[in-house]
PDB file of N, CA and C in Angstrom:
ATOM      1  N   MET A   1       0.793  -1.193   0.000  1.00  0.00           N
ATOM      2  CA  MET A   1       0.000   0.000   0.000  1.00  0.00           C
ATOM      3  C   MET A   1       0.843   1.269   0.000  1.00  0.00           C
ATOM      4  N   ARG A   2       2.014   1.102   0.500  1.00  0.00           N
ATOM      5  CA  ARG A   2       2.886   2.261   0.550  1.00  0.00           C
ATOM      6  C   ARG A   2       3.198   2.766  -0.855  1.00  0.00           C
ATOM      7  N   CYS A   3       3.372   1.922  -1.809  1.00  0.00           N
ATOM      8  CA  CYS A   3       3.648   2.309  -3.183  1.00  0.00           C
ATOM      9  C   CYS A   3       2.472   3.069  -3.771  1.00  0.00           C
ATOM     10  N   PHE A   4       1.264   2.597  -3.399  1.00  0.00           N
ATOM     11  CA  PHE A   4       0.067   3.280  -3.909  1.00  0.00           C
ATOM     12  C   PHE A   4       0.002   4.701  -3.368  1.00  0.00           C
ATOM     13  N   SER A   5       0.355   4.904  -2.133  1.00  0.00           N
ATOM     14  CA  SER A   5       0.353   6.223  -1.507  1.00  0.00           C
ATOM     15  C   SER A   5       1.380   7.129  -2.187  1.00  0.00           C
ATOM     16  N   GLN A   6       2.554   6.577  -2.459  1.00  0.00           N
ATOM     17  CA  GLN A   6       3.590   7.360  -3.125  1.00  0.00           C
ATOM     18  C   GLN A   6       3.168   7.724  -4.552  1.00  0.00           C
ATOM     19  N   LEU A   7       2.516   6.781  -5.213  1.00  0.00           N
ATOM     20  CA  LEU A   7       2.024   7.038  -6.564  1.00  0.00           C
ATOM     21  C   LEU A   7       0.974   8.137  -6.557  1.00  0.00           C
ATOM     22  N   THR A   8       0.068   8.106  -5.580  1.00  0.00           N
ATOM     23  CA  THR A   8      -0.972   9.119  -5.446  1.00  0.00           C
ATOM     24  C   THR A   8      -0.338  10.486  -5.192  1.00  0.00           C
ATOM     25  N   GLN A   9       0.657  10.541  -4.340  1.00  0.00           N
ATOM     26  CA  GLN A   9       1.345  11.798  -4.057  1.00  0.00           C
ATOM     27  C   GLN A   9       2.078  12.305  -5.304  1.00  0.00           C
ATOM     28  N   GLY A  10       2.698  11.388  -6.024  1.00  0.00           N
ATOM     29  CA  GLY A  10       3.413  11.773  -7.236  1.00  0.00           C
ATOM     30  C   GLY A  10       2.468  12.334  -8.286  1.00  0.00           C
ATOM     31  N   LEU A  11       1.309  11.678  -8.459  1.00  0.00           N
ATOM     32  CA  LEU A  11       0.322  12.164  -9.423  1.00  0.00           C
ATOM     33  C   LEU A  11      -0.240  13.515  -8.998  1.00  0.00           C
ATOM     34  N   SER A  12      -0.425  13.698  -7.708  1.00  0.00           N
ATOM     35  CA  SER A  12      -0.910  14.973  -7.188  1.00  0.00           C
ATOM     36  C   SER A  12       0.122  16.065  -7.467  1.00  0.00           C
ATOM     37  N   GLY A  13       1.402  15.733  -7.283  1.00  0.00           N
ATOM     38  CA  GLY A  13       2.475  16.687  -7.551  1.00  0.00           C
ATOM     39  C   GLY A  13       2.532  17.052  -9.035  1.00  0.00           C
ATOM     40  N   ILE A  14       2.328  16.055  -9.878  1.00  0.00           N
ATOM     41  CA  ILE A  14       2.306  16.316 -11.321  1.00  0.00           C
ATOM     42  C   ILE A  14       1.153  17.241 -11.670  1.00  0.00           C
ATOM     43  N   SER A  15       0.003  17.000 -11.077  1.00  0.00           N
ATOM     44  CA  SER A  15      -1.168  17.828 -11.329  1.00  0.00           C
ATOM     45  C   SER A  15      -0.913  19.271 -10.889  1.00  0.00           C
ATOM     46  N   GLU A  16      -0.311  19.431  -9.718  1.00  0.00           N
ATOM     47  CA  GLU A  16       0.011  20.776  -9.228  1.00  0.00           C
ATOM     48  C   GLU A  16       1.036  21.447 -10.144  1.00  0.00           C
ATOM     49  N   GLY A  17       2.020  20.681 -10.575  1.00  0.00           N
ATOM     50  CA  GLY A  17       3.038  21.209 -11.475  1.00  0.00           C
ATOM     51  C   GLY A  17       2.431  21.660 -12.801  1.00  0.00           C
ATOM     52  N   LEU A  18       1.500  20.859 -13.336  1.00  0.00           N
ATOM     53  CA  LEU A  18       0.836  21.221 -14.590  1.00  0.00           C
ATOM     54  C   LEU A  18      -0.008  22.482 -14.421  1.00  0.00           C
ATOM     55  N   THR A  19      -0.629  22.639 -13.263  1.00  0.00           N
ATOM     56  CA  THR A  19      -1.413  23.844 -12.992  1.00  0.00           C
ATOM     57  C   THR A  19      -0.493  25.073 -12.984  1.00  0.00           C
ATOM     58  N   LYS A  20       0.678  24.924 -12.372  1.00  0.00           N
ATOM     59  CA  LYS A  20       1.646  26.032 -12.342  1.00  0.00           C
ATOM     60  C   LYS A  20       2.172  26.329 -13.747  1.00  0.00           C
ATOM     61  N   VAL A  21       2.423  25.284 -14.528  1.00  0.00           N
ATOM     62  CA  VAL A  21       2.888  25.480 -15.903  1.00  0.00           C
ATOM     63  C   VAL A  21       1.828  26.208 -16.714  1.00  0.00           C
ATOM     64  N   GLN A  22       0.561  25.812 -16.528  1.00  0.00           N
ATOM     65  CA  GLN A  22      -0.532  26.460 -17.252  1.00  0.00           C
ATOM     66  C   GLN A  22      -0.642  27.929 -16.855  1.00  0.00           C
ATOM     67  N   ALA A  23      -0.525  28.230 -15.570  1.00  0.00           N
ATOM     68  CA  ALA A  23      -0.581  29.623 -15.111  1.00  0.00           C
ATOM     69  C   ALA A  23       0.593  30.415 -15.687  1.00  0.00           C
ATOM     70  N   GLY A  24       1.772  29.822 -15.708  1.00  0.00           N
ATOM     71  CA  GLY A  24       2.939  30.487 -16.283  1.00  0.00           C
ATOM     72  C   GLY A  24       2.762  30.726 -17.770  1.00  0.00           C
ATOM     73  N   TYR A  25       2.168  29.762 -18.444  1.00  0.00           N
ATOM     74  CA  TYR A  25       1.917  29.908 -19.876  1.00  0.00           C
ATOM     75  C   TYR A  25       0.942  31.051 -20.143  1.00  0.00           C
ATOM     76  N   GLN A  26      -0.086  31.189 -19.290  1.00  0.00           N
ATOM     77  CA  GLN A  26      -1.033  32.292 -19.434  1.00  0.00           C
ATOM     78  C   GLN A  26      -0.336  33.636 -19.194  1.00  0.00           C
ATOM     79  N   GLN A  27       0.523  33.684 -18.189  1.00  0.00           N
ATOM     80  CA  GLN A  27       1.276  34.918 -17.917  1.00  0.00           C
ATOM     81  C   GLN A  27       2.186  35.262 -19.094  1.00  0.00           C
ATOM     82  N   LEU A  28       2.809  34.241 -19.665  1.00  0.00           N
ATOM     83  CA  LEU A  28       3.663  34.462 -20.827  1.00  0.00           C
ATOM     84  C   LEU A  28       2.845  35.000 -21.994  1.00  0.00           C
ATOM     85  N   GLY A  29       1.653  34.469 -22.200  1.00  0.00           N
ATOM     86  CA  GLY A  29       0.775  34.959 -23.267  1.00  0.00           C
ATOM     87  C   GLY A  29       0.385  36.410 -23.047  1.00  0.00           C
ATOM     88  N   GLN A  30       0.062  36.766 -21.821  1.00  0.00           N
ATOM     89  CA  GLN A  30      -0.298  38.148 -21.506  1.00  0.00           C
ATOM     90  C   GLN A  30       0.898  39.088 -21.711  1.00  0.00           C
ATOM     91  N   ALA A  31       2.067  38.647 -21.283  1.00  0.00           N
ATOM     92  CA  ALA A  31       3.267  39.464 -21.459  1.00  0.00           C
ATOM     93  C   ALA A  31       3.579  39.633 -22.943  1.00  0.00           C
ATOM     94  N   THR A  32       3.383  38.573 -23.719  1.00  0.00           N
ATOM     95  CA  THR A  32       3.628  38.645 -25.161  1.00  0.00           C
ATOM     96  C   THR A  32       2.671  39.629 -25.819  1.00  0.00           C
ATOM     97  N   GLU A  33       1.419  39.644 -25.391  1.00  0.00           N
ATOM     98  CA  GLU A  33       0.437  40.603 -25.918  1.00  0.00           C
ATOM     99  C   GLU A  33       0.864  42.038 -25.590  1.00  0.00           C
ATOM    100  N   LYS A  34       1.334  42.250 -24.360  1.00  0.00           N
ATOM    101  CA  LYS A  34       1.786  43.592 -23.972  1.00  0.00           C
ATOM    102  C   LYS A  34       3.006  44.019 -24.784  1.00  0.00           C
ATOM    103  N   ILE A  35       3.928  43.104 -25.008  1.00  0.00           N
ATOM    104  CA  ILE A  35       5.119  43.419 -25.798  1.00  0.00           C
ATOM    105  C   ILE A  35       4.725  43.736 -27.232  1.00  0.00           C
ATOM    106  N   THR A  36       3.789  42.966 -27.775  1.00  0.00           N
ATOM    107  CA  THR A  36       3.323  43.205 -29.142  1.00  0.00           C
ATOM    108  C   THR A  36       2.670  44.580 -29.256  1.00  0.00           C
ATOM    109  N   ALA A  37       1.834  44.942 -28.280  1.00  0.00           N
ATOM    110  CA  ALA A  37       1.169  46.251 -28.294  1.00  0.00           C
ATOM    111  C   ALA A  37       2.194  47.374 -28.160  1.00  0.00           C
ATOM    112  N   ALA A  38       3.160  47.206 -27.260  1.00  0.00           N
ATOM    113  CA  ALA A  38       4.185  48.230 -27.071  1.00  0.00           C
ATOM    114  C   ALA A  38       5.046  48.367 -28.325  1.00  0.00           C
ATOM    115  N   SER A  39       5.354  47.264 -28.945  1.00  0.00           N
ATOM    116  CA  SER A  39       6.140  47.296 -30.178  1.00  0.00           C
ATOM    117  C   SER A  39       5.395  48.027 -31.278  1.00  0.00           C
ATOM    118  N   SER A  40       4.102  47.807 -31.358  1.00  0.00           N
ATOM    119  CA  SER A  40       3.282  48.496 -32.359  1.00  0.00           C
ATOM    120  C   SER A  40       3.275  50.000 -32.102  1.00  0.00           C
ATOM    121  N   LYS A  41       3.121  50.391 -30.831  1.00  0.00           N
ATOM    122  CA  LYS A  41       3.129  51.815 -30.485  1.00  0.00           C
ATOM    123  C   LYS A  41       4.488  52.434 -30.798  1.00  0.00           C
ATOM    124  N   LEU A  42       5.562  51.700 -30.524  1.00  0.00           N
ATOM    125  CA  LEU A  42       6.901  52.190 -30.814  1.00  0.00           C
ATOM    126  C   LEU A  42       7.073  52.377 -32.318  1.00  0.00           C
ATOM    127  N   SER A  43       6.589  51.431 -33.081  1.00  0.00           N
ATOM    128  CA  SER A  43       6.682  51.530 -34.540  1.00  0.00           C
ATOM    129  C   SER A  43       5.893  52.733 -35.053  1.00  0.00           C
ATOM    130  N   GLN A  44       4.687  52.940 -34.528  1.00  0.00           N
ATOM    131  CA  GLN A  44       3.875  54.082 -34.940  1.00  0.00           C
ATOM    132  C   GLN A  44       4.552  55.398 -34.554  1.00  0.00           C
ATOM    133  N   GLY A  45       5.120  55.443 -33.363  1.00  0.00           N
ATOM    134  CA  GLY A  45       5.810  56.648 -32.908  1.00  0.00           C
ATOM    135  C   GLY A  45       7.036  56.947 -33.757  1.00  0.00           C
ATOM    136  N   THR A  46       7.771  55.911 -34.095  1.00  0.00           N
ATOM    137  CA  THR A  46       8.953  56.085 -34.943  1.00  0.00           C
ATOM    138  C   THR A  46       8.559  56.586 -36.317  1.00  0.00           C
ATOM    139  N   GLN A  47       7.479  56.047 -36.862  1.00  0.00           N
ATOM    140  CA  GLN A  47       7.012  56.480 -38.180  1.00  0.00           C
ATOM    141  C   GLN A  47       6.549  57.941 -38.129  1.00  0.00           C
ATOM    142  N   ALA A  48       5.816  58.301 -37.078  1.00  0.00           N
ATOM    143  CA  ALA A  48       5.345  59.682 -36.941  1.00  0.00           C
ATOM    144  C   ALA A  48       6.525  60.641 -36.796  1.00  0.00           C
ATOM    145  N   MET A  49       7.535  60.237 -36.028  1.00  0.00           N
ATOM    146  CA  MET A  49       8.711  61.078 -35.855  1.00  0.00           C
ATOM    147  C   MET A  49       9.445  61.236 -37.190  1.00  0.00           C
ATOM    148  N   SER A  50       9.570  60.158 -37.930  1.00  0.00           N
ATOM    149  CA  SER A  50      10.234  60.215 -39.230  1.00  0.00           C
ATOM    150  C   SER A  50       9.506  61.155 -40.178  1.00  0.00           C
ATOM    151  N   GLU A  51       8.193  61.076 -40.203  1.00  0.00           N
ATOM    152  CA  GLU A  51       7.405  61.963 -41.063  1.00  0.00           C
ATOM    153  C   GLU A  51       7.544  63.413 -40.615  1.00  0.00           C
ATOM    154  N   GLY A  52       7.569  63.640 -39.303  1.00  0.00           N
ATOM    155  CA  GLY A  52       7.747  64.996 -38.779  1.00  0.00           C
ATOM    156  C   GLY A  52       9.096  65.578 -39.145  1.00  0.00           C
ATOM    157  N   VAL A  53      10.143  64.767 -39.056  1.00  0.00           N
ATOM    158  CA  VAL A  53      11.483  65.232 -39.416  1.00  0.00           C
ATOM    159  C   VAL A  53      11.533  65.542 -40.914  1.00  0.00           C
ATOM    160  N   LYS A  54      10.945  64.682 -41.739  1.00  0.00           N
ATOM    161  CA  LYS A  54      10.921  64.927 -43.186  1.00  0.00           C
ATOM    162  C   LYS A  54      10.194  66.229 -43.498  1.00  0.00           C
ATOM    163  N   THR A  55       9.075  66.469 -42.832  1.00  0.00           N
ATOM    164  CA  THR A  55       8.310  67.701 -43.044  1.00  0.00           C
ATOM    165  C   THR A  55       9.132  68.920 -42.626  1.00  0.00           C
ATOM    166  N   ALA A  56       9.777  68.836 -41.471  1.00  0.00           N
ATOM    167  CA  ALA A  56      10.579  69.954 -40.974  1.00  0.00           C
ATOM    168  C   ALA A  56      11.738  70.259 -41.929  1.00  0.00           C
ATOM    169  N   ILE A  57      12.402  69.213 -42.424  1.00  0.00           N
ATOM    170  CA  ILE A  57      13.510  69.412 -43.357  1.00  0.00           C
ATOM    171  C   ILE A  57      12.999  70.045 -44.643  1.00  0.00           C
ATOM    172  N   SER A  58      11.862  69.574 -45.118  1.00  0.00           N
ATOM    173  CA  SER A  58      11.289  70.128 -46.346  1.00  0.00           C
ATOM    174  C   SER A  58      10.947  71.610 -46.165  1.00  0.00           C
ATOM    175  N   GLU A  59      10.363  71.957 -45.025  1.00  0.00           N
ATOM    176  CA  GLU A  59      10.027  73.348 -44.746  1.00  0.00           C
ATOM    177  C   GLU A  59      11.289  74.209 -44.651  1.00  0.00           C
ATOM    178  N   MET A  60      12.321  73.695 -43.972  1.00  0.00           N
ATOM    179  CA  MET A  60      13.570  74.449 -43.866  1.00  0.00           C
ATOM    180  C   MET A  60      14.197  74.639 -45.246  1.00  0.00           C
ATOM    181  N   ARG A  61      14.173  73.581 -46.053  1.00  0.00           N
ATOM    182  CA  ARG A  61      14.737  73.680 -47.401  1.00  0.00           C
ATOM    183  C   ARG A  61      13.983  74.742 -48.201  1.00  0.00           C
ATOM    184  N   GLY A  62      12.658  74.745 -48.082  1.00  0.00           N
ATOM    185  CA  GLY A  62      11.857  75.758 -48.777  1.00  0.00           C
ATOM    186  C   GLY A  62      12.182  77.162 -48.307  1.00  0.00           C
ATOM    187  N   ASN A  63      12.337  77.331 -46.994  1.00  0.00           N
ATOM    188  CA  ASN A  63      12.684  78.651 -46.454  1.00  0.00           C
ATOM    189  C   ASN A  63      14.058  79.108 -46.923  1.00  0.00           C
ATOM    190  N   ILE A  64      15.016  78.204 -46.905  1.00  0.00           N
ATOM    191  CA  ILE A  64      16.369  78.553 -47.348  1.00  0.00           C
ATOM    192  C   ILE A  64      16.355  78.901 -48.829  1.00  0.00           C
ATOM    193  N   ASN A  65      15.668  78.108 -49.632  1.00  0.00           N
ATOM    194  CA  ASN A  65      15.588  78.402 -51.066  1.00  0.00           C
ATOM    195  C   ASN A  65      14.899  79.744 -51.318  1.00  0.00           C
ATOM    196  N   GLY A  66      13.891  80.043 -50.532  1.00  0.00           N
ATOM    197  CA  GLY A  66      13.231  81.341 -50.654  1.00  0.00           C
ATOM    198  C   GLY A  66      14.189  82.484 -50.364  1.00  0.00           C
ATOM    199  N   LYS A  67      14.996  82.332 -49.312  1.00  0.00           N
ATOM    200  CA  LYS A  67      15.979  83.376 -48.970  1.00  0.00           C
ATOM    201  C   LYS A  67      17.033  83.491 -50.063  1.00  0.00           C
ATOM    202  N   LEU A  68      17.473  82.356 -50.600  1.00  0.00           N
ATOM    203  CA  LEU A  68      18.456  82.401 -51.686  1.00  0.00           C
ATOM    204  C   LEU A  68      17.875  83.085 -52.921  1.00  0.00           C
ATOM    205  N   ASN A  69      16.605  82.847 -53.190  1.00  0.00           N
ATOM    206  CA  ASN A  69      15.960  83.521 -54.319  1.00  0.00           C
ATOM    207  C   ASN A  69      15.917  85.030 -54.109  1.00  0.00           C
ATOM    208  N   LEU A  70      15.661  85.456 -52.874  1.00  0.00           N
ATOM    209  CA  LEU A  70      15.660  86.891 -52.571  1.00  0.00           C
ATOM    210  C   LEU A  70      17.049  87.498 -52.757  1.00  0.00           C
ATOM    211  N   VAL A  71      18.067  86.778 -52.307  1.00  0.00           N
ATOM    212  CA  VAL A  71      19.429  87.265 -52.464  1.00  0.00           C
ATOM    213  C   VAL A  71      19.777  87.367 -53.951  1.00  0.00           C
ATOM    214  N   SER A  72      19.395  86.361 -54.723  1.00  0.00           N
ATOM    215  CA  SER A  72      19.655  86.395 -56.174  1.00  0.00           C
ATOM    216  C   SER A  72      18.927  87.561 -56.829  1.00  0.00           C
ATOM    217  N   ALA A  73      17.683  87.782 -56.438  1.00  0.00           N
ATOM    218  CA  ALA A  73      16.919  88.897 -57.006  1.00  0.00           C
ATOM    219  C   ALA A  73      17.561  90.225 -56.643  1.00  0.00           C
ATOM    220  N   LEU A  74      18.030  90.350 -55.413  1.00  0.00           N
ATOM    221  CA  LEU A  74      18.702  91.579 -54.994  1.00  0.00           C
ATOM    222  C   LEU A  74      19.994  91.780 -55.774  1.00  0.00           C
ATOM    223  N   ARG A  75      20.745  90.707 -55.958  1.00  0.00           N
ATOM    224  CA  ARG A  75      21.976  90.798 -56.742  1.00  0.00           C
ATOM    225  C   ARG A  75      21.671  91.235 -58.178  1.00  0.00           C
ATOM    226  N   ASP A  76      20.664  90.611 -58.773  1.00  0.00           N
ATOM    227  CA  ASP A  76      20.282  90.978 -60.145  1.00  0.00           C
ATOM    228  C   ASP A  76      19.842  92.432 -60.214  1.00  0.00           C
ATOM    229  N   TYR A  77      19.083  92.872 -59.228  1.00  0.00           N
ATOM    230  CA  TYR A  77      18.611  94.262 -59.206  1.00  0.00           C
ATOM    231  C   TYR A  77      19.794  95.228 -59.115  1.00  0.00           C
ATOM    232  N   THR A  78      20.706  94.929 -58.207  1.00  0.00           N
ATOM    233  CA  THR A  78      21.843  95.846 -58.030  1.00  0.00           C
ATOM    234  C   THR A  78      22.729  95.871 -59.266  1.00  0.00           C
ATOM    235  N   GLU A  79      22.853  94.720 -59.927  1.00  0.00           N
ATOM    236  CA  GLU A  79      23.654  94.695 -61.155  1.00  0.00           C
ATOM    237  C   GLU A  79      22.989  95.533 -62.248  1.00  0.00           C
ATOM    238  N   LYS A  80      21.678  95.479 -62.342  1.00  0.00           N
ATOM    239  CA  LYS A  80      20.957  96.280 -63.339  1.00  0.00           C
ATOM    240  C   LYS A  80      21.048  97.766 -63.032  1.00  0.00           C
ATOM    241  N   GLN A  81      21.117  98.098 -61.764  1.00  0.00           N
ATOM    242  CA  GLN A  81      21.168  99.497 -61.364  1.00  0.00           C
ATOM    243  C   GLN A  81      22.588 100.042 -61.402  1.00  0.00           C
ATOM    244  N   GLY A  82      23.546  99.190 -61.648  1.00  0.00           N
ATOM    245  CA  GLY A  82      24.931  99.632 -61.678  1.00  0.00           C
ATOM    246  C   GLY A  82      25.480  99.922 -60.299  1.00  0.00           C
ATOM    247  N   ALA A  83      24.987  99.188 -59.317  1.00  0.00           N
ATOM    248  CA  ALA A  83      25.445  99.410 -57.946  1.00  0.00           C
ATOM    249  C   ALA A  83      26.909  99.014 -57.805  1.00  0.00           C
ATOM    250  N   TYR A  84      27.531  99.624 -56.855  1.00  0.00           N
ATOM    251  CA  TYR A  84      28.947  99.382 -56.614  1.00  0.00           C
ATOM    252  C   TYR A  84      29.122  99.018 -55.154  1.00  0.00           C
ATOM    253  N   CYS A  85      29.885  97.968 -54.885  1.00  0.00           N
ATOM    254  CA  CYS A  85      30.207  97.610 -53.511  1.00  0.00           C
ATOM    255  C   CYS A  85      31.667  97.952 -53.279  1.00  0.00           C
ATOM    256  N   GLY A  86      31.922  98.657 -52.256  1.00  0.00           N
ATOM    257  CA  GLY A  86      33.296  99.008 -51.938  1.00  0.00           C
ATOM    258  C   GLY A  86      33.343 100.282 -51.135  1.00  0.00           C
ATOM    259  N   SER A  87      34.468 100.913 -51.099  1.00  0.00           N
ATOM    260  CA  SER A  87      34.673 102.136 -50.342  1.00  0.00           C
ATOM    261  C   SER A  87      34.057 103.327 -51.080  1.00  0.00           C
ATOM    262  N   ALA A  88      33.466 104.246 -50.351  1.00  0.00           N
ATOM    263  CA  ALA A  88      32.853 105.443 -50.947  1.00  0.00           C
ATOM    264  C   ALA A  88      33.901 106.300 -51.638  1.00  0.00           C
ATOM    265  N   SER A  89      35.140 106.265 -51.180  1.00  0.00           N
ATOM    266  CA  SER A  89      36.190 107.082 -51.806  1.00  0.00           C
ATOM    267  C   SER A  89      36.536 106.591 -53.209  1.00  0.00           C
ATOM    268  N   ASN A  90      36.191 105.352 -53.522  1.00  0.00           N
ATOM    269  CA  ASN A  90      36.473 104.790 -54.842  1.00  0.00           C
ATOM    270  C   ASN A  90      35.335 105.009 -55.841  1.00  0.00           C
ATOM    271  N   MET A  91      34.265 105.644 -55.406  1.00  0.00           N
ATOM    272  CA  MET A  91      33.121 105.841 -56.292  1.00  0.00           C
ATOM    273  C   MET A  91      33.313 107.115 -57.115  1.00  0.00           C
ATOM    274  N   PRO A  92      33.068 107.036 -58.416  1.00  0.00           N
ATOM    275  CA  PRO A  92      33.275 108.215 -59.263  1.00  0.00           C
ATOM    276  C   PRO A  92      32.180 109.268 -59.101  1.00  0.00           C
ATOM    277  N   ALA A  93      30.989 108.894 -58.660  1.00  0.00           N
ATOM    278  CA  ALA A  93      29.891 109.854 -58.562  1.00  0.00           C
ATOM    279  C   ALA A  93      29.844 110.452 -57.171  1.00  0.00           C
ATOM    280  N   SER A  94      29.180 111.605 -57.067  1.00  0.00           N
ATOM    281  CA  SER A  94      29.068 112.261 -55.776  1.00  0.00           C
ATOM    282  C   SER A  94      27.820 111.816 -55.021  1.00  0.00           C
ATOM    283  N   THR A  95      26.936 111.086 -55.667  1.00  0.00           N
ATOM    284  CA  THR A  95      25.714 110.614 -55.013  1.00  0.00           C
ATOM    285  C   THR A  95      25.858 109.121 -54.740  1.00  0.00           C
ATOM    286  N   THR A  96      25.510 108.721 -53.553  1.00  0.00           N
ATOM    287  CA  THR A  96      25.624 107.315 -53.177  1.00  0.00           C
ATOM    288  C   THR A  96      24.240 106.760 -52.891  1.00  0.00           C
ATOM    289  N   PHE A  97      23.928 105.625 -53.454  1.00  0.00           N
ATOM    290  CA  PHE A  97      22.676 104.924 -53.187  1.00  0.00           C
ATOM    291  C   PHE A  97      23.010 103.672 -52.389  1.00  0.00           C
ATOM    292  N   VAL A  98      22.242 103.443 -51.357  1.00  0.00           N
ATOM    293  CA  VAL A  98      22.469 102.267 -50.518  1.00  0.00           C
ATOM    294  C   VAL A  98      21.211 101.408 -50.577  1.00  0.00           C
ATOM    295  N   VAL A  99      21.381 100.143 -50.875  1.00  0.00           N
ATOM    296  CA  VAL A  99      20.270  99.191 -50.907  1.00  0.00           C
ATOM    297  C   VAL A  99      20.482  98.245 -49.744  1.00  0.00           C
ATOM    298  N   THR A 100      19.462  98.142 -48.910  1.00  0.00           N
ATOM    299  CA  THR A 100      19.554  97.220 -47.787  1.00  0.00           C
ATOM    300  C   THR A 100      18.492  96.157 -47.914  1.00  0.00           C
ATOM    301  N   ALA A 101      18.741  95.040 -47.331  1.00  0.00           N
ATOM    302  CA  ALA A 101      17.779  93.936 -47.342  1.00  0.00           C
ATOM    303  C   ALA A 101      17.620  93.440 -45.927  1.00  0.00           C
ATOM    304  N   LYS A 102      16.421  93.101 -45.587  1.00  0.00           N
ATOM    305  CA  LYS A 102      16.136  92.597 -44.255  1.00  0.00           C
ATOM    306  C   LYS A 102      15.661  91.160 -44.394  1.00  0.00           C
ATOM    307  N   ALA A 103      16.306  90.266 -43.700  1.00  0.00           N
ATOM    308  CA  ALA A 103      15.917  88.859 -43.734  1.00  0.00           C
ATOM    309  C   ALA A 103      14.730  88.654 -42.811  1.00  0.00           C
ATOM    310  N   ASP A 104      13.745  87.905 -43.269  1.00  0.00           N
ATOM    311  CA  ASP A 104      12.607  87.567 -42.414  1.00  0.00           C
ATOM    312  C   ASP A 104      13.054  86.600 -41.344  1.00  0.00           C
ATOM    313  N   ALA A 105      12.462  86.689 -40.199  1.00  0.00           N
ATOM    314  CA  ALA A 105      12.811  85.799 -39.093  1.00  0.00           C
ATOM    315  C   ALA A 105      12.219  84.441 -39.310  1.00  0.00           C
TER     316      ALA A 105
END
């Protein structure tokens, strides 16, 4: 009878062990779901950040190109007007015209 008692205890231990394994498996499934959700949020955040950086770079490029266009237009204007850059003592005329440009903030 002693063997039967040991067998019963062993089977009970196996049953308890399987219950613990099942609980651990459920916890692992829940943790995997949380990791999957967090990974998805991270991916969405990374994509949004990438799009934001691309937009910001595009806007900066547009602003810089706009400023360069203004500088080119000013250069063309001054060349058409016969403007001179240099010391006033080197100018042949007695009247001096000054063209200034203000950069937008």
